[in-house]
PDB file of N, CA and C in Angstrom:
ATOM      1  N   MET A   1       0.663  -0.976  -0.385  1.00  0.00           N
ATOM      2  CA  MET A   1       0.335  -0.255  -0.014  1.00  0.00           C
ATOM      3  C   MET A   1       1.022   1.478   0.130  1.00  0.00           C
ATOM      4  N   SER A   2       2.205   0.962   0.015  1.00  0.00           N
ATOM      5  CA  SER A   2       2.729   1.753  -0.343  1.00  0.00           C
ATOM      6  C   SER A   2       2.804   3.495  -1.461  1.00  0.00           C
ATOM      7  N   SER A   3       2.329   2.978  -2.598  1.00  0.00           N
ATOM      8  CA  SER A   3       1.559   3.604  -3.654  1.00  0.00           C
ATOM      9  C   SER A   3       0.680   4.271  -2.647  1.00  0.00           C
ATOM     10  N   MET A   4      -0.025   4.381  -2.368  1.00  0.00           N
ATOM     11  CA  MET A   4      -1.701   5.041  -1.817  1.00  0.00           C
ATOM     12  C   MET A   4      -1.119   5.898  -0.513  1.00  0.00           C
ATOM     13  N   GLN A   5      -2.010   6.978  -0.296  1.00  0.00           N
ATOM     14  CA  GLN A   5      -2.161   8.057   0.483  1.00  0.00           C
ATOM     15  C   GLN A   5      -2.936   7.763   1.815  1.00  0.00           C
ATOM     16  N   LYS A   6      -4.724   7.935   1.703  1.00  0.00           N
ATOM     17  CA  LYS A   6      -4.853   7.486   2.593  1.00  0.00           C
ATOM     18  C   LYS A   6      -5.842   7.290   1.948  1.00  0.00           C
ATOM     19  N   GLY A   7      -6.995   6.326   3.501  1.00  0.00           N
ATOM     20  CA  GLY A   7      -7.997   5.789   3.033  1.00  0.00           C
ATOM     21  C   GLY A   7      -8.422   4.323   4.042  1.00  0.00           C
ATOM     22  N   GLU A   8      -9.178   3.861   3.151  1.00  0.00           N
ATOM     23  CA  GLU A   8      -9.615   2.364   3.724  1.00  0.00           C
ATOM     24  C   GLU A   8      -9.750   1.023   2.621  1.00  0.00           C
ATOM     25  N   VAL A   9      -9.347   0.087   3.403  1.00  0.00           N
ATOM     26  CA  VAL A   9      -9.498  -1.222   1.946  1.00  0.00           C
ATOM     27  C   VAL A   9     -10.993  -2.674   2.794  1.00  0.00           C
ATOM     28  N   TRP A  10     -10.968  -2.686   2.170  1.00  0.00           N
ATOM     29  CA  TRP A  10     -11.688  -4.241   2.448  1.00  0.00           C
ATOM     30  C   TRP A  10     -12.002  -5.373   1.656  1.00  0.00           C
ATOM     31  N   VAL A  11     -11.885  -6.550   2.101  1.00  0.00           N
ATOM     32  CA  VAL A  11     -11.801  -8.130   1.429  1.00  0.00           C
ATOM     33  C   VAL A  11     -13.452  -8.175   1.911  1.00  0.00           C
ATOM     34  N   ASN A  12     -13.583  -8.695   0.609  1.00  0.00           N
ATOM     35  CA  ASN A  12     -15.733  -9.366   0.710  1.00  0.00           C
ATOM     36  C   ASN A  12     -16.016  -9.006   2.011  1.00  0.00           C
ATOM     37  N   GLU A  13     -16.126  -7.260   1.787  1.00  0.00           N
ATOM     38  CA  GLU A  13     -16.683  -6.637   2.369  1.00  0.00           C
ATOM     39  C   GLU A  13     -16.952  -6.052   3.688  1.00  0.00           C
ATOM     40  N   GLN A  14     -15.590  -6.720   4.509  1.00  0.00           N
ATOM     41  CA  GLN A  14     -15.098  -7.105   5.695  1.00  0.00           C
ATOM     42  C   GLN A  14     -13.454  -5.639   5.393  1.00  0.00           C
ATOM     43  N   SER A  15     -13.291  -4.974   6.274  1.00  0.00           N
ATOM     44  CA  SER A  15     -12.928  -3.762   6.485  1.00  0.00           C
ATOM     45  C   SER A  15     -11.140  -4.753   7.582  1.00  0.00           C
ATOM     46  N   ILE A  16      -9.993  -4.616   6.611  1.00  0.00           N
ATOM     47  CA  ILE A  16      -8.845  -4.625   7.214  1.00  0.00           C
ATOM     48  C   ILE A  16      -8.613  -3.752   7.228  1.00  0.00           C
ATOM     49  N   GLY A  17      -8.540  -2.461   7.410  1.00  0.00           N
ATOM     50  CA  GLY A  17      -8.405  -0.894   8.579  1.00  0.00           C
ATOM     51  C   GLY A  17      -7.925  -0.240   7.139  1.00  0.00           C
ATOM     52  N   ARG A  18      -7.647   1.051   7.848  1.00  0.00           N
ATOM     53  CA  ARG A  18      -7.544   2.438   7.220  1.00  0.00           C
ATOM     54  C   ARG A  18      -5.771   2.604   7.147  1.00  0.00           C
ATOM     55  N   TYR A  19      -5.887   3.035   5.904  1.00  0.00           N
ATOM     56  CA  TYR A  19      -4.387   3.355   6.007  1.00  0.00           C
ATOM     57  C   TYR A  19      -3.593   5.189   4.925  1.00  0.00           C
ATOM     58  N   TRP A  20      -2.891   5.435   5.655  1.00  0.00           N
ATOM     59  CA  TRP A  20      -2.355   6.998   5.942  1.00  0.00           C
ATOM     60  C   TRP A  20      -0.473   6.944   5.742  1.00  0.00           C
ATOM     61  N   VAL A  21      -0.355   7.032   4.579  1.00  0.00           N
ATOM     62  CA  VAL A  21       0.721   6.967   4.476  1.00  0.00           C
ATOM     63  C   VAL A  21       2.054   8.336   4.942  1.00  0.00           C
ATOM     64  N   SER A  22       1.177   9.226   5.178  1.00  0.00           N
ATOM     65  CA  SER A  22       2.181  10.513   5.879  1.00  0.00           C
ATOM     66  C   SER A  22       2.541  10.469   6.877  1.00  0.00           C
ATOM     67  N   PHE A  23       2.362   9.170   7.828  1.00  0.00           N
ATOM     68  CA  PHE A  23       2.910   8.516   8.891  1.00  0.00           C
ATOM     69  C   PHE A  23       4.284   7.916   8.624  1.00  0.00           C
ATOM     70  N   LEU A  24       5.502   8.330   8.505  1.00  0.00           N
ATOM     71  CA  LEU A  24       6.851   8.442   7.768  1.00  0.00           C
ATOM     72  C   LEU A  24       7.654   7.595   8.844  1.00  0.00           C
ATOM     73  N   THR A  25       8.569   6.736   9.345  1.00  0.00           N
ATOM     74  CA  THR A  25       9.112   6.017   9.847  1.00  0.00           C
ATOM     75  C   THR A  25      10.842   7.498   9.679  1.00  0.00           C
ATOM     76  N   SER A  26      11.827   6.490  10.826  1.00  0.00           N
ATOM     77  CA  SER A  26      12.901   7.855  11.270  1.00  0.00           C
ATOM     78  C   SER A  26      13.463   8.077   9.717  1.00  0.00           C
ATOM     79  N   LYS A  27      13.197   6.952   9.104  1.00  0.00           N
ATOM     80  CA  LYS A  27      14.034   6.749   7.525  1.00  0.00           C
ATOM     81  C   LYS A  27      13.214   6.998   6.161  1.00  0.00           C
ATOM     82  N   GLY A  28      11.991   8.303   6.657  1.00  0.00           N
ATOM     83  CA  GLY A  28      11.355   8.412   5.359  1.00  0.00           C
ATOM     84  C   GLY A  28      10.495   7.871   4.386  1.00  0.00           C
ATOM     85  N   ASN A  29       9.737   6.324   5.698  1.00  0.00           N
ATOM     86  CA  ASN A  29       9.984   5.395   4.734  1.00  0.00           C
ATOM     87  C   ASN A  29       7.914   5.607   5.545  1.00  0.00           C
ATOM     88  N   PRO A  30       7.405   4.611   4.916  1.00  0.00           N
ATOM     89  CA  PRO A  30       5.606   4.648   5.509  1.00  0.00           C
ATOM     90  C   PRO A  30       6.006   3.788   6.563  1.00  0.00           C
ATOM     91  N   SER A  31       4.934   4.232   7.483  1.00  0.00           N
ATOM     92  CA  SER A  31       4.581   3.241   9.147  1.00  0.00           C
ATOM     93  C   SER A  31       4.904   1.879   8.639  1.00  0.00           C
ATOM     94  N   GLN A  32       3.466   2.237   7.652  1.00  0.00           N
ATOM     95  CA  GLN A  32       2.924   0.095   7.336  1.00  0.00           C
ATOM     96  C   GLN A  32       2.763   0.456   6.125  1.00  0.00           C
ATOM     97  N   THR A  33       2.334  -0.905   5.085  1.00  0.00           N
ATOM     98  CA  THR A  33       3.057  -0.893   4.396  1.00  0.00           C
ATOM     99  C   THR A  33       2.406  -2.463   3.755  1.00  0.00           C
ATOM    100  N   LEU A  34       2.248  -3.144   4.844  1.00  0.00           N
ATOM    101  CA  LEU A  34       1.301  -4.543   4.972  1.00  0.00           C
ATOM    102  C   LEU A  34       0.584  -4.178   5.416  1.00  0.00           C
ATOM    103  N   TYR A  35      -0.204  -4.976   5.506  1.00  0.00           N
ATOM    104  CA  TYR A  35      -1.679  -5.699   6.052  1.00  0.00           C
ATOM    105  C   TYR A  35      -2.034  -6.939   5.920  1.00  0.00           C
ATOM    106  N   HIS A  36      -2.782  -7.347   7.417  1.00  0.00           N
ATOM    107  CA  HIS A  36      -3.161  -8.938   7.080  1.00  0.00           C
ATOM    108  C   HIS A  36      -4.516  -8.667   6.863  1.00  0.00           C
ATOM    109  N   VAL A  37      -4.986  -9.698   5.974  1.00  0.00           N
ATOM    110  CA  VAL A  37      -6.001 -10.683   5.420  1.00  0.00           C
ATOM    111  C   VAL A  37      -6.532 -11.732   6.045  1.00  0.00           C
ATOM    112  N   PRO A  38      -7.523 -11.796   7.561  1.00  0.00           N
ATOM    113  CA  PRO A  38      -7.644 -12.946   8.209  1.00  0.00           C
ATOM    114  C   PRO A  38      -8.276 -13.941   6.801  1.00  0.00           C
ATOM    115  N   ARG A  39      -7.865 -15.316   6.838  1.00  0.00           N
ATOM    116  CA  ARG A  39      -8.394 -16.184   6.269  1.00  0.00           C
ATOM    117  C   ARG A  39      -9.765 -16.975   6.018  1.00  0.00           C
ATOM    118  N   SER A  40     -10.710 -16.190   7.640  1.00  0.00           N
ATOM    119  CA  SER A  40     -11.969 -16.209   7.459  1.00  0.00           C
ATOM    120  C   SER A  40     -12.163 -15.009   6.358  1.00  0.00           C
ATOM    121  N   PHE A  41     -12.185 -14.597   6.408  1.00  0.00           N
ATOM    122  CA  PHE A  41     -12.454 -13.623   5.115  1.00  0.00           C
ATOM    123  C   PHE A  41     -12.592 -13.787   4.149  1.00  0.00           C
ATOM    124  N   LEU A  42     -11.273 -14.386   3.760  1.00  0.00           N
ATOM    125  CA  LEU A  42     -11.627 -15.200   2.149  1.00  0.00           C
ATOM    126  C   LEU A  42     -12.111 -16.149   1.432  1.00  0.00           C
ATOM    127  N   ASN A  43     -12.977 -16.356   0.126  1.00  0.00           N
ATOM    128  CA  ASN A  43     -13.628 -17.191  -0.638  1.00  0.00           C
ATOM    129  C   ASN A  43     -12.896 -18.190  -0.810  1.00  0.00           C
ATOM    130  N   PRO A  44     -12.606 -19.162  -1.497  1.00  0.00           N
ATOM    131  CA  PRO A  44     -12.182 -20.086  -2.420  1.00  0.00           C
ATOM    132  C   PRO A  44     -11.386 -19.505  -3.621  1.00  0.00           C
ATOM    133  N   THR A  45     -12.546 -18.676  -4.491  1.00  0.00           N
ATOM    134  CA  THR A  45     -12.693 -18.075  -5.361  1.00  0.00           C
ATOM    135  C   THR A  45     -13.657 -17.026  -5.536  1.00  0.00           C
ATOM    136  N   GLY A  46     -13.395 -15.932  -5.846  1.00  0.00           N
ATOM    137  CA  GLY A  46     -14.045 -14.934  -6.357  1.00  0.00           C
ATOM    138  C   GLY A  46     -13.984 -13.918  -5.892  1.00  0.00           C
ATOM    139  N   ASN A  47     -12.770 -13.442  -4.569  1.00  0.00           N
ATOM    140  CA  ASN A  47     -12.996 -12.444  -4.007  1.00  0.00           C
ATOM    141  C   ASN A  47     -13.031 -10.812  -4.004  1.00  0.00           C
ATOM    142  N   LEU A  48     -13.111  -9.553  -3.297  1.00  0.00           N
ATOM    143  CA  LEU A  48     -13.195  -8.533  -4.178  1.00  0.00           C
ATOM    144  C   LEU A  48     -12.748  -8.228  -2.709  1.00  0.00           C
ATOM    145  N   LEU A  49     -11.364  -6.794  -3.643  1.00  0.00           N
ATOM    146  CA  LEU A  49     -10.948  -5.720  -3.148  1.00  0.00           C
ATOM    147  C   LEU A  49     -11.543  -4.222  -3.676  1.00  0.00           C
ATOM    148  N   VAL A  50     -11.703  -3.724  -2.440  1.00  0.00           N
ATOM    149  CA  VAL A  50     -12.409  -2.081  -2.581  1.00  0.00           C
ATOM    150  C   VAL A  50     -10.981  -1.531  -1.958  1.00  0.00           C
ATOM    151  N   VAL A  51     -10.528  -0.219  -2.828  1.00  0.00           N
ATOM    152  CA  VAL A  51     -10.134   0.325  -1.886  1.00  0.00           C
ATOM    153  C   VAL A  51     -10.420   1.623  -1.796  1.00  0.00           C
ATOM    154  N   LEU A  52     -10.712   3.083  -0.779  1.00  0.00           N
ATOM    155  CA  LEU A  52     -11.272   3.639  -1.131  1.00  0.00           C
ATOM    156  C   LEU A  52     -10.395   4.995  -0.514  1.00  0.00           C
ATOM    157  N   GLU A  53      -9.584   5.316  -1.574  1.00  0.00           N
ATOM    158  CA  GLU A  53      -8.377   5.917  -1.620  1.00  0.00           C
ATOM    159  C   GLU A  53      -9.002   7.762  -1.440  1.00  0.00           C
ATOM    160  N   GLU A  54      -9.079   8.312  -0.517  1.00  0.00           N
ATOM    161  CA  GLU A  54      -9.071  10.258  -0.464  1.00  0.00           C
ATOM    162  C   GLU A  54      -8.619  10.756  -0.742  1.00  0.00           C
ATOM    163  N   LEU A  55      -6.796  10.732  -1.112  1.00  0.00           N
ATOM    164  CA  LEU A  55      -6.097  11.520  -1.925  1.00  0.00           C
ATOM    165  C   LEU A  55      -5.637  11.068  -3.098  1.00  0.00           C
ATOM    166  N   ASN A  56      -4.189  11.311  -2.852  1.00  0.00           N
ATOM    167  CA  ASN A  56      -4.305  11.198  -5.126  1.00  0.00           C
ATOM    168  C   ASN A  56      -3.428   9.503  -4.972  1.00  0.00           C
ATOM    169  N   GLY A  57      -3.424   8.799  -4.356  1.00  0.00           N
ATOM    170  CA  GLY A  57      -2.705   7.369  -4.555  1.00  0.00           C
ATOM    171  C   GLY A  57      -2.854   6.518  -5.630  1.00  0.00           C
ATOM    172  N   ASP A  58      -1.913   5.884  -6.210  1.00  0.00           N
ATOM    173  CA  ASP A  58      -1.767   5.226  -7.000  1.00  0.00           C
ATOM    174  C   ASP A  58      -2.232   3.652  -7.403  1.00  0.00           C
ATOM    175  N   PRO A  59      -2.898   3.673  -7.564  1.00  0.00           N
ATOM    176  CA  PRO A  59      -4.523   1.613  -7.538  1.00  0.00           C
ATOM    177  C   PRO A  59      -3.853   1.123  -7.913  1.00  0.00           C
ATOM    178  N   LEU A  60      -2.908   1.237  -9.529  1.00  0.00           N
ATOM    179  CA  LEU A  60      -2.221   0.450 -10.433  1.00  0.00           C
ATOM    180  C   LEU A  60      -0.838  -0.054  -9.610  1.00  0.00           C
ATOM    181  N   GLN A  61       0.034   0.292  -8.948  1.00  0.00           N
ATOM    182  CA  GLN A  61       0.632  -0.370  -7.750  1.00  0.00           C
ATOM    183  C   GLN A  61       1.048  -0.939  -6.323  1.00  0.00           C
ATOM    184  N   ILE A  62      -0.913  -1.438  -6.405  1.00  0.00           N
ATOM    185  CA  ILE A  62      -0.439  -2.283  -4.596  1.00  0.00           C
ATOM    186  C   ILE A  62      -0.700  -3.497  -5.543  1.00  0.00           C
ATOM    187  N   SER A  63      -0.176  -3.912  -4.835  1.00  0.00           N
ATOM    188  CA  SER A  63       0.267  -5.695  -4.998  1.00  0.00           C
ATOM    189  C   SER A  63      -0.058  -6.368  -3.582  1.00  0.00           C
ATOM    190  N   LEU A  64      -0.642  -7.792  -3.844  1.00  0.00           N
ATOM    191  CA  LEU A  64      -0.878  -8.899  -3.183  1.00  0.00           C
ATOM    192  C   LEU A  64       0.041 -10.011  -3.530  1.00  0.00           C
ATOM    193  N   ASN A  65       0.373 -10.147  -1.891  1.00  0.00           N
ATOM    194  CA  ASN A  65       1.329 -11.260  -1.773  1.00  0.00           C
ATOM    195  C   ASN A  65       0.350 -12.223  -0.236  1.00  0.00           C
ATOM    196  N   THR A  66       0.793 -13.388  -0.944  1.00  0.00           N
ATOM    197  CA  THR A  66       0.550 -15.085   0.185  1.00  0.00           C
ATOM    198  C   THR A  66       1.243 -15.513   0.812  1.00  0.00           C
ATOM    199  N   ILE A  67       1.213 -15.838   1.546  1.00  0.00           N
ATOM    200  CA  ILE A  67       2.402 -16.510   2.049  1.00  0.00           C
ATOM    201  C   ILE A  67       1.514 -17.678   2.571  1.00  0.00           C
ATOM    202  N   SER A  68       2.263 -18.977   3.334  1.00  0.00           N
ATOM    203  CA  SER A  68       1.995 -20.426   3.216  1.00  0.00           C
ATOM    204  C   SER A  68       2.076 -20.744   4.610  1.00  0.00           C
ATOM    205  N   LEU A  69       1.892 -20.385   5.583  1.00  0.00           N
ATOM    206  CA  LEU A  69       2.757 -21.643   7.145  1.00  0.00           C
ATOM    207  C   LEU A  69       1.751 -23.331   6.640  1.00  0.00           C
ATOM    208  N   VAL A  70       3.599 -23.858   7.566  1.00  0.00           N
ATOM    209  CA  VAL A  70       2.930 -25.530   6.858  1.00  0.00           C
ATOM    210  C   VAL A  70       2.750 -25.732   8.617  1.00  0.00           C
ATOM    211  N   ASN A  71       3.681 -25.265   9.759  1.00  0.00           N
ATOM    212  CA  ASN A  71       3.294 -25.592  10.856  1.00  0.00           C
ATOM    213  C   ASN A  71       3.418 -24.115  11.713  1.00  0.00           C
ATOM    214  N   VAL A  72       3.288 -24.331  12.407  1.00  0.00           N
ATOM    215  CA  VAL A  72       3.643 -23.878  13.176  1.00  0.00           C
ATOM    216  C   VAL A  72       3.683 -23.678  15.158  1.00  0.00           C
ATOM    217  N   ASN A  73       4.588 -23.845  15.690  1.00  0.00           N
ATOM    218  CA  ASN A  73       5.060 -23.897  17.421  1.00  0.00           C
ATOM    219  C   ASN A  73       5.415 -23.127  18.163  1.00  0.00           C
ATOM    220  N   SER A  74       4.009 -22.823  18.883  1.00  0.00           N
ATOM    221  CA  SER A  74       3.709 -21.528  19.701  1.00  0.00           C
ATOM    222  C   SER A  74       3.062 -22.586  21.369  1.00  0.00           C
ATOM    223  N   PRO A  75       4.159 -21.654  21.967  1.00  0.00           N
ATOM    224  CA  PRO A  75       3.200 -22.945  23.031  1.00  0.00           C
ATOM    225  C   PRO A  75       1.960 -21.312  23.616  1.00  0.00           C
ATOM    226  N   PHE A  76       0.546 -22.237  24.020  1.00  0.00           N
ATOM    227  CA  PHE A  76       0.099 -21.276  24.252  1.00  0.00           C
ATOM    228  C   PHE A  76      -0.973 -22.246  25.612  1.00  0.00           C
ATOM    229  N   SER A  77      -1.279 -20.733  25.367  1.00  0.00           N
ATOM    230  CA  SER A  77      -1.819 -20.802  27.619  1.00  0.00           C
ATOM    231  C   SER A  77      -3.057 -20.482  27.313  1.00  0.00           C
ATOM    232  N   TYR A  78      -4.297 -21.061  28.274  1.00  0.00           N
ATOM    233  CA  TYR A  78      -5.434 -20.579  28.417  1.00  0.00           C
ATOM    234  C   TYR A  78      -5.532 -19.638  29.204  1.00  0.00           C
ATOM    235  N   HIS A  79      -4.348 -19.264  30.109  1.00  0.00           N
ATOM    236  CA  HIS A  79      -4.362 -18.144  31.095  1.00  0.00           C
ATOM    237  C   HIS A  79      -4.127 -17.286  30.158  1.00  0.00           C
ATOM    238  N   HIS A  80      -3.146 -17.099  29.556  1.00  0.00           N
ATOM    239  CA  HIS A  80      -3.250 -15.980  28.296  1.00  0.00           C
ATOM    240  C   HIS A  80      -4.020 -15.446  27.244  1.00  0.00           C
ATOM    241  N   LEU A  81      -5.239 -15.630  27.410  1.00  0.00           N
ATOM    242  CA  LEU A  81      -6.681 -15.139  26.737  1.00  0.00           C
ATOM    243  C   LEU A  81      -6.937 -14.231  27.044  1.00  0.00           C
ATOM    244  N   PRO A  82      -7.967 -13.195  26.661  1.00  0.00           N
ATOM    245  CA  PRO A  82      -8.416 -12.136  27.032  1.00  0.00           C
ATOM    246  C   PRO A  82      -9.776 -12.366  28.173  1.00  0.00           C
ATOM    247  N   GLN A  83      -9.909 -11.965  29.462  1.00  0.00           N
ATOM    248  CA  GLN A  83     -11.022 -11.965  29.299  1.00  0.00           C
ATOM    249  C   GLN A  83     -12.657 -10.920  29.289  1.00  0.00           C
TER     250      GLN A  83
END
């Protein structure tokens, strides 16, 4: 989303958040350019990405990347769940 400026993004009618790349790191880069799309938001086919750009971003530069996690070993405890 680094080519965009300010707006909000939805996947299949579910908001994945707002973006505003004017918030820059100390190196002058946007503070966030990657956004997580929960698997539960996705359909097997025919997914719809809607981007509302409020300023003058370039939506032709947006890219979608996928990753696959085969096995994640992480300690889990019910004591750490929010109450």
